[in-house]
Amino acid sequence: MTTARPVAELPERHPDAPAPGEPIGSHYHRCFGCGEDHRTGLHMHVTAGAGLTIDAKFTVTEDHQGAPGLAHGGLLTAAFDEALGSLAWLLRKPMVTGRLETDFLRPVPVGTTLYIHAHADKIVGRKIHTRAEGRLGDPSGQLAVRAAAIFVTVPIEHFVRHGRAEDVAAAVSRPDIREAAKTFEVNP
């Protein structure tokens, strides 16, 4: 007996998603990507866009370099993981990275602000297909990095079960996170 493959669907913006232009706050204050309390983190700022898009930006610091004066490639991949993962706030689905591919088109120097525009393309079963582009200096600057990722929806309990207990407790003690967790939907 063969199992039917899931059909690709166009994702829909959740009615409780942040409105276009609204900032998407940090999901955890110690997150390397968006947390303000991570000393060497990206301190990424994310804004909800139209439809299923977000715009994000971060400035490459000395803590982010690989080759002298240039952003580390793995760090840039982490930035795209963070930006693409922020699409969860528009879909209201908790998700984890299943696959992430990054294309480096030009160097990203220390001191440069990288502007990332990301969107969700389709949903196939529990998989959410996403893409993003990063530009140097401003949203219309030179294209420097592209990424494509597949995220997998998971129940909220995934984070409780697998996260370090004290960090999970710190995150869920925040009223904004507790309230958001109530409205996130998960596909079976």
Protein backbone atom coordinates (compact mmCIF):
# COMPACT_ATOMS: atom_id res chain seq x y z
CA MET A 1 0.00 0.00 0.00
CA THR A 2 1.36 3.41 -0.90
CA THR A 3 0.89 6.48 1.23
CA ALA A 4 -0.41 9.61 -0.44
CA ARG A 5 2.07 12.47 -0.43
CA PRO A 6 0.96 15.69 1.25
CA VAL A 7 -0.30 18.35 -1.13
CA ALA A 8 1.51 21.69 -1.28
CA GLU A 9 -0.58 24.54 0.06
CA LEU A 10 -0.12 28.27 -0.08
CA PRO A 11 0.47 29.39 3.49
CA GLU A 12 -1.89 31.94 4.99
CA ARG A 13 -1.12 34.74 7.39
CA HIS A 14 -2.72 34.04 10.76
CA PRO A 15 -5.36 36.60 11.83
CA ASP A 16 -3.44 37.20 15.09
CA ALA A 17 -0.11 37.82 13.32
CA PRO A 18 1.60 41.18 13.84
CA ALA A 19 0.37 43.76 11.34
CA PRO A 20 2.64 44.88 8.50
CA GLY A 21 5.17 47.37 9.85
CA GLU A 22 4.93 46.10 13.44
CA PRO A 23 8.12 44.92 15.11
CA ILE A 24 8.41 41.24 15.95
CA GLY A 25 9.96 41.06 19.38
CA SER A 26 12.55 38.66 20.66
CA HIS A 27 11.19 35.22 21.48
CA TYR A 28 13.89 34.82 24.17
CA HIS A 29 16.14 37.52 25.64
CA ARG A 30 19.22 35.25 25.51
CA CYS A 31 18.72 34.14 21.91
CA PHE A 32 21.90 34.57 19.86
CA GLY A 33 19.89 35.95 16.94
CA CYS A 34 17.29 38.28 18.43
CA GLY A 35 18.03 38.46 22.15
CA GLU A 36 19.06 41.81 23.56
CA ASP A 37 20.81 40.18 26.53
CA HIS A 38 23.23 38.07 24.48
CA ARG A 39 26.51 39.98 24.71
CA THR A 40 27.92 38.94 21.31
CA GLY A 41 24.63 38.12 19.59
CA LEU A 42 23.25 39.55 16.39
CA HIS A 43 20.67 41.73 18.15
CA MET A 44 18.56 41.33 15.03
CA HIS A 45 15.55 43.57 14.56
CA VAL A 46 12.60 42.05 12.70
CA THR A 47 9.50 43.74 11.30
CA ALA A 48 6.38 42.08 9.91
CA GLY A 49 5.89 42.74 6.22
CA ALA A 50 2.93 42.37 3.88
CA GLY A 51 1.55 38.89 3.30
CA LEU A 52 3.96 36.28 4.58
CA THR A 53 7.10 38.41 4.60
CA ILE A 54 9.40 39.85 7.22
CA ASP A 55 12.23 42.33 7.05
CA ALA A 56 15.19 41.97 9.38
CA LYS A 57 18.48 43.73 9.92
CA PHE A 58 21.62 43.42 11.98
CA THR A 59 25.00 45.09 11.97
CA VAL A 60 28.11 42.92 11.71
CA THR A 61 30.44 43.61 14.65
CA GLU A 62 33.99 42.57 15.45
CA ASP A 63 32.51 39.64 17.41
CA HIS A 64 30.98 38.31 14.17
CA GLN A 65 34.06 38.08 11.98
CA GLY A 66 35.71 35.04 10.44
CA ALA A 67 38.33 36.29 8.01
CA PRO A 68 39.84 39.59 9.19
CA GLY A 69 37.26 42.33 8.77
CA LEU A 70 34.59 40.06 7.24
CA ALA A 71 31.51 38.33 8.65
CA HIS A 72 31.90 34.61 9.36
CA GLY A 73 29.87 32.50 6.91
CA GLY A 74 28.38 30.38 9.68
CA LEU A 75 27.30 33.51 11.49
CA LEU A 76 25.56 34.78 8.34
CA THR A 77 23.80 31.41 8.08
CA ALA A 78 22.67 31.84 11.70
CA ALA A 79 21.29 35.28 10.81
CA PHE A 80 19.23 33.78 7.99
CA ASP A 81 18.04 30.99 10.27
CA GLU A 82 16.83 33.65 12.72
CA ALA A 83 15.15 35.78 10.03
CA LEU A 84 13.45 32.84 8.33
CA GLY A 85 12.38 31.43 11.70
CA SER A 86 10.66 34.73 12.46
CA LEU A 87 8.05 33.80 9.86
CA ALA A 88 6.59 31.59 12.62
CA TRP A 89 5.08 34.75 14.14
CA LEU A 90 3.09 35.36 10.95
CA LEU A 91 1.92 31.77 10.64
CA ARG A 92 1.46 31.30 14.41
CA LYS A 93 3.06 27.86 14.16
CA PRO A 94 5.98 26.81 16.35
CA MET A 95 8.66 25.41 14.07
CA VAL A 96 12.24 24.26 13.98
CA THR A 97 14.82 24.32 11.22
CA GLY A 98 14.86 21.11 9.19
CA ARG A 99 17.18 22.21 6.39
CA LEU A 100 18.94 25.47 5.56
CA GLU A 101 20.99 26.26 2.46
CA THR A 102 22.96 29.49 2.17
CA ASP A 103 24.55 31.00 -0.95
CA PHE A 104 27.29 33.58 -0.32
CA LEU A 105 27.46 35.98 -3.26
CA ARG A 106 29.77 38.69 -1.90
CA PRO A 107 31.68 39.45 1.31
CA VAL A 108 29.91 41.17 4.20
CA PRO A 109 32.39 43.51 5.96
CA VAL A 110 32.48 44.26 9.67
CA GLY A 111 30.49 47.45 10.33
CA THR A 112 28.00 46.70 7.54
CA THR A 113 24.29 46.43 8.21
CA LEU A 114 22.75 43.44 6.43
CA TYR A 115 19.09 43.80 5.44
CA ILE A 116 17.23 40.51 5.06
CA HIS A 117 13.87 40.11 3.33
CA ALA A 118 12.26 36.69 3.91
CA HIS A 119 9.03 35.01 2.87
CA ALA A 120 7.16 31.72 3.19
CA ASP A 121 6.49 29.99 -0.14
CA LYS A 122 4.46 26.88 0.60
CA ILE A 123 3.46 24.33 3.19
CA VAL A 124 3.65 20.60 2.50
CA GLY A 125 2.32 18.63 5.46
CA ARG A 126 4.38 19.82 8.47
CA LYS A 127 7.09 21.38 6.26
CA ILE A 128 7.18 25.12 5.65
CA HIS A 129 9.32 26.17 2.66
CA THR A 130 10.94 29.62 2.97
CA ARG A 131 13.42 31.87 1.14
CA ALA A 132 15.35 35.06 1.89
CA GLU A 133 17.82 37.55 0.43
CA GLY A 134 20.32 39.73 2.29
CA ARG A 135 21.50 43.09 0.95
CA LEU A 136 24.37 45.32 2.03
CA GLY A 137 23.86 48.76 3.56
CA ASP A 138 20.15 49.22 2.83
CA PRO A 139 17.15 47.20 1.63
CA SER A 140 17.95 47.95 -2.03
CA GLY A 141 21.73 47.50 -1.69
CA GLN A 142 23.92 44.87 -3.31
CA LEU A 143 22.70 41.31 -2.96
CA ALA A 144 25.21 39.51 -0.72
CA VAL A 145 23.54 36.35 0.61
CA ARG A 146 20.59 34.15 -0.34
CA ALA A 147 19.06 31.33 1.66
CA ALA A 148 16.34 28.72 1.38
CA ALA A 149 15.06 26.68 4.30
CA ILE A 150 12.53 24.08 5.27
CA PHE A 151 11.08 24.42 8.75
CA VAL A 152 9.07 21.69 10.45
CA THR A 153 6.12 22.49 12.71
CA VAL A 154 6.37 21.02 16.20
CA PRO A 155 4.17 21.17 19.29
CA ILE A 156 5.09 23.77 21.91
CA GLU A 157 5.97 20.85 24.19
CA HIS A 158 8.98 20.16 21.94
CA PHE A 159 10.79 23.14 23.44
CA VAL A 160 9.86 22.22 27.01
CA ARG A 161 10.94 18.61 26.53
CA HIS A 162 14.29 19.36 24.86
CA GLY A 163 15.32 22.75 26.27
CA ARG A 164 17.42 23.29 29.38
CA ALA A 165 14.95 23.55 32.27
CA GLU A 166 16.10 26.90 33.71
CA ASP A 167 16.07 28.56 30.28
CA VAL A 168 12.60 27.22 29.46
CA ALA A 169 11.35 28.46 32.85
CA ALA A 170 12.84 31.93 32.22
CA ALA A 171 11.23 32.13 28.78
CA VAL A 172 7.76 30.95 29.79
CA SER A 173 7.71 33.27 32.80
CA ARG A 174 7.42 36.24 30.42
CA PRO A 175 3.76 37.27 29.98
CA ASP A 176 4.19 38.05 26.26
CA ILE A 177 5.65 34.60 25.53
CA ARG A 178 3.04 32.83 27.66
CA GLU A 179 0.24 34.64 25.83
CA ALA A 180 1.74 33.98 22.38
CA ALA A 181 2.14 30.27 23.17
CA LYS A 182 -1.60 30.01 23.81
CA THR A 183 -2.48 31.16 20.31
CA PHE A 184 0.11 29.25 18.30
CA GLU A 185 -1.46 26.49 16.24
CA VAL A 186 0.18 23.20 15.35
CA ASN A 187 -0.79 20.95 12.48
CA PRO A 188 -0.96 17.27 13.47
